[in-house]
Amino acid sequence: MDKITQDISNAKITLKANVYFDGGVVSHTLLLSDGTKKTVGVIRPGKYHFGTDAAERMDVIAGTCAVKLDGSNDWKTYGAGQTFFIKAKSGFDIEVKEGLAEYLCSFEG
């Protein structure tokens, strides 16, 4: 597993927040100088479902969350410093039981 990036250089941030589930999940879009798009955000306690178009890499920066990928019956817990992947044209359930989970989402294509 690659080391999770703690700092991102040469990026522009979209100031308008992406707000989902009445503020349960909030992120901002980062546009890197090479054209790469990422989002960075926080997830409040609750259970949420997201669909994906592109494949995604989710790096957990802080906190803890449980994840169940579409097509699976198994929940797996991820904490700070851990990563999970979502296939393109798929989705996942994510649950935060307490505190905040902070993440960096990288779009793989």
C-alpha atoms as a PDB file:
ATOM      1  CA  MET A   1       0.000   0.000   0.000  1.00  0.00           C
ATOM      2  CA  ASP A   2       1.251   3.483  -0.871  1.00  0.00           C
ATOM      3  CA  LYS A   3       1.922   5.907   1.946  1.00  0.00           C
ATOM      4  CA  ILE A   4      -1.023   8.255   2.349  1.00  0.00           C
ATOM      5  CA  THR A   5      -0.194  11.809   1.340  1.00  0.00           C
ATOM      6  CA  GLN A   6      -0.565  14.317   4.170  1.00  0.00           C
ATOM      7  CA  ASP A   7       0.252  17.395   2.063  1.00  0.00           C
ATOM      8  CA  ILE A   8      -0.690  18.169  -1.518  1.00  0.00           C
ATOM      9  CA  SER A   9       1.271  20.806  -3.430  1.00  0.00           C
ATOM     10  CA  ASN A  10       0.285  22.732  -6.554  1.00  0.00           C
ATOM     11  CA  ALA A  11      -3.473  22.272  -6.127  1.00  0.00           C
ATOM     12  CA  LYS A  12      -6.445  24.550  -6.605  1.00  0.00           C
ATOM     13  CA  ILE A  13      -9.394  24.098  -4.272  1.00  0.00           C
ATOM     14  CA  THR A  14     -13.014  24.656  -5.185  1.00  0.00           C
ATOM     15  CA  LEU A  15     -14.369  26.812  -2.376  1.00  0.00           C
ATOM     16  CA  LYS A  16     -17.988  25.748  -2.853  1.00  0.00           C
ATOM     17  CA  ALA A  17     -18.447  22.631  -0.705  1.00  0.00           C
ATOM     18  CA  ASN A  18     -19.946  19.379  -1.954  1.00  0.00           C
ATOM     19  CA  VAL A  19     -22.624  18.704   0.688  1.00  0.00           C
ATOM     20  CA  TYR A  20     -24.348  15.319   0.890  1.00  0.00           C
ATOM     21  CA  PHE A  21     -26.962  13.849   3.223  1.00  0.00           C
ATOM     22  CA  ASP A  22     -27.976  17.177   4.819  1.00  0.00           C
ATOM     23  CA  GLY A  23     -24.379  17.898   5.816  1.00  0.00           C
ATOM     24  CA  GLY A  24     -23.518  14.377   6.972  1.00  0.00           C
ATOM     25  CA  VAL A  25     -20.723  14.314   4.402  1.00  0.00           C
ATOM     26  CA  VAL A  26     -18.929  17.459   3.227  1.00  0.00           C
ATOM     27  CA  SER A  27     -16.007  17.648   0.818  1.00  0.00           C
ATOM     28  CA  HIS A  28     -14.059  20.078  -1.336  1.00  0.00           C
ATOM     29  CA  THR A  29     -12.644  19.369  -4.779  1.00  0.00           C
ATOM     30  CA  LEU A  30      -8.892  19.645  -5.375  1.00  0.00           C
ATOM     31  CA  LEU A  31      -7.563  20.135  -8.897  1.00  0.00           C
ATOM     32  CA  LEU A  32      -3.877  19.286  -9.185  1.00  0.00           C
ATOM     33  CA  SER A  33      -1.552  20.971 -11.675  1.00  0.00           C
ATOM     34  CA  ASP A  34      -1.396  17.733 -13.731  1.00  0.00           C
ATOM     35  CA  GLY A  35      -5.201  17.729 -14.141  1.00  0.00           C
ATOM     36  CA  THR A  36      -5.847  15.095 -11.485  1.00  0.00           C
ATOM     37  CA  LYS A  37      -9.043  15.572  -9.468  1.00  0.00           C
ATOM     38  CA  LYS A  38      -9.371  14.603  -5.808  1.00  0.00           C
ATOM     39  CA  THR A  39     -11.788  15.391  -3.014  1.00  0.00           C
ATOM     40  CA  VAL A  40     -10.996  15.901   0.634  1.00  0.00           C
ATOM     41  CA  GLY A  41     -13.674  15.872   3.284  1.00  0.00           C
ATOM     42  CA  VAL A  42     -15.279  14.773   6.520  1.00  0.00           C
ATOM     43  CA  ILE A  43     -17.999  12.286   7.370  1.00  0.00           C
ATOM     44  CA  ARG A  44     -20.181  12.824  10.442  1.00  0.00           C
ATOM     45  CA  PRO A  45     -21.695   9.924  12.394  1.00  0.00           C
ATOM     46  CA  GLY A  46     -24.278   8.054  10.324  1.00  0.00           C
ATOM     47  CA  LYS A  47     -24.613   5.491   7.538  1.00  0.00           C
ATOM     48  CA  TYR A  48     -24.443   6.622   3.903  1.00  0.00           C
ATOM     49  CA  HIS A  49     -24.437   5.048   0.428  1.00  0.00           C
ATOM     50  CA  PHE A  50     -22.433   6.420  -2.509  1.00  0.00           C
ATOM     51  CA  GLY A  51     -22.438   5.344  -6.137  1.00  0.00           C
ATOM     52  CA  THR A  52     -19.335   5.685  -8.308  1.00  0.00           C
ATOM     53  CA  ASP A  53     -18.717   6.371 -11.972  1.00  0.00           C
ATOM     54  CA  ALA A  54     -14.914   6.200 -11.898  1.00  0.00           C
ATOM     55  CA  ALA A  55     -12.866   3.851  -9.753  1.00  0.00           C
ATOM     56  CA  GLU A  56     -11.915   5.491  -6.447  1.00  0.00           C
ATOM     57  CA  ARG A  57      -9.169   5.209  -3.881  1.00  0.00           C
ATOM     58  CA  MET A  58     -10.274   6.309  -0.409  1.00  0.00           C
ATOM     59  CA  ASP A  59      -7.528   7.180   2.084  1.00  0.00           C
ATOM     60  CA  VAL A  60      -8.704   7.541   5.673  1.00  0.00           C
ATOM     61  CA  ILE A  61      -6.829  10.513   7.122  1.00  0.00           C
ATOM     62  CA  ALA A  62      -8.353  10.540  10.623  1.00  0.00           C
ATOM     63  CA  GLY A  63     -11.092   8.737  12.525  1.00  0.00           C
ATOM     64  CA  THR A  64     -12.659   5.369  11.810  1.00  0.00           C
ATOM     65  CA  CYS A  65     -15.307   4.135   9.395  1.00  0.00           C
ATOM     66  CA  ALA A  66     -16.863   0.822   8.397  1.00  0.00           C
ATOM     67  CA  VAL A  67     -17.294   0.086   4.680  1.00  0.00           C
ATOM     68  CA  LYS A  68     -19.338  -2.453   2.712  1.00  0.00           C
ATOM     69  CA  LEU A  69     -18.683  -2.561  -1.013  1.00  0.00           C
ATOM     70  CA  ASP A  70     -21.607  -3.179  -3.372  1.00  0.00           C
ATOM     71  CA  GLY A  71     -21.948  -6.903  -4.029  1.00  0.00           C
ATOM     72  CA  SER A  72     -20.466  -7.845  -0.657  1.00  0.00           C
ATOM     73  CA  ASN A  73     -22.148  -8.731   2.629  1.00  0.00           C
ATOM     74  CA  ASP A  74     -19.026  -7.984   4.671  1.00  0.00           C
ATOM     75  CA  TRP A  75     -18.293  -4.767   6.531  1.00  0.00           C
ATOM     76  CA  LYS A  76     -14.624  -3.869   7.036  1.00  0.00           C
ATOM     77  CA  THR A  77     -13.348  -1.218   9.438  1.00  0.00           C
ATOM     78  CA  TYR A  78     -10.719   1.305   8.324  1.00  0.00           C
ATOM     79  CA  GLY A  79      -8.821   3.761  10.471  1.00  0.00           C
ATOM     80  CA  ALA A  80      -6.347   6.565   9.972  1.00  0.00           C
ATOM     81  CA  GLY A  81      -3.602   5.583   7.544  1.00  0.00           C
ATOM     82  CA  GLN A  82      -5.645   2.869   5.823  1.00  0.00           C
ATOM     83  CA  THR A  83      -6.963   2.753   2.258  1.00  0.00           C
ATOM     84  CA  PHE A  84      -9.815   1.049   0.445  1.00  0.00           C
ATOM     85  CA  PHE A  85     -10.743   0.886  -3.238  1.00  0.00           C
ATOM     86  CA  ILE A  86     -14.090   1.058  -5.037  1.00  0.00           C
ATOM     87  CA  LYS A  87     -14.562  -0.273  -8.562  1.00  0.00           C
ATOM     88  CA  ALA A  88     -15.915   1.952 -11.331  1.00  0.00           C
ATOM     89  CA  LYS A  89     -19.696   1.866 -11.889  1.00  0.00           C
ATOM     90  CA  SER A  90     -20.183   0.480  -8.392  1.00  0.00           C
ATOM     91  CA  GLY A  91     -20.835   1.846  -4.931  1.00  0.00           C
ATOM     92  CA  PHE A  92     -20.376   1.404  -1.226  1.00  0.00           C
ATOM     93  CA  ASP A  93     -21.990   1.905   2.155  1.00  0.00           C
ATOM     94  CA  ILE A  94     -19.957   3.800   4.722  1.00  0.00           C
ATOM     95  CA  GLU A  95     -20.724   4.183   8.420  1.00  0.00           C
ATOM     96  CA  VAL A  96     -19.138   6.386  11.056  1.00  0.00           C
ATOM     97  CA  LYS A  97     -20.246   5.494  14.577  1.00  0.00           C
ATOM     98  CA  GLU A  98     -18.656   8.385  16.489  1.00  0.00           C
ATOM     99  CA  GLY A  99     -16.547  11.465  15.935  1.00  0.00           C
ATOM    100  CA  LEU A 100     -15.533  12.411  12.414  1.00  0.00           C
ATOM    101  CA  ALA A 101     -13.846  10.419   9.682  1.00  0.00           C
ATOM    102  CA  GLU A 102     -11.619  12.514   7.424  1.00  0.00           C
ATOM    103  CA  TYR A 103     -10.721  11.257   3.957  1.00  0.00           C
ATOM    104  CA  LEU A 104      -8.967  11.909   0.679  1.00  0.00           C
ATOM    105  CA  CYS A 105     -10.655  10.453  -2.414  1.00  0.00           C
ATOM    106  CA  SER A 106      -8.587   9.946  -5.565  1.00  0.00           C
ATOM    107  CA  PHE A 107     -10.366   9.216  -8.835  1.00  0.00           C
ATOM    108  CA  GLU A 108      -8.672   6.433 -10.767  1.00  0.00           C
ATOM    109  CA  GLY A 109      -9.968   7.127 -14.232  1.00  0.00           C
END
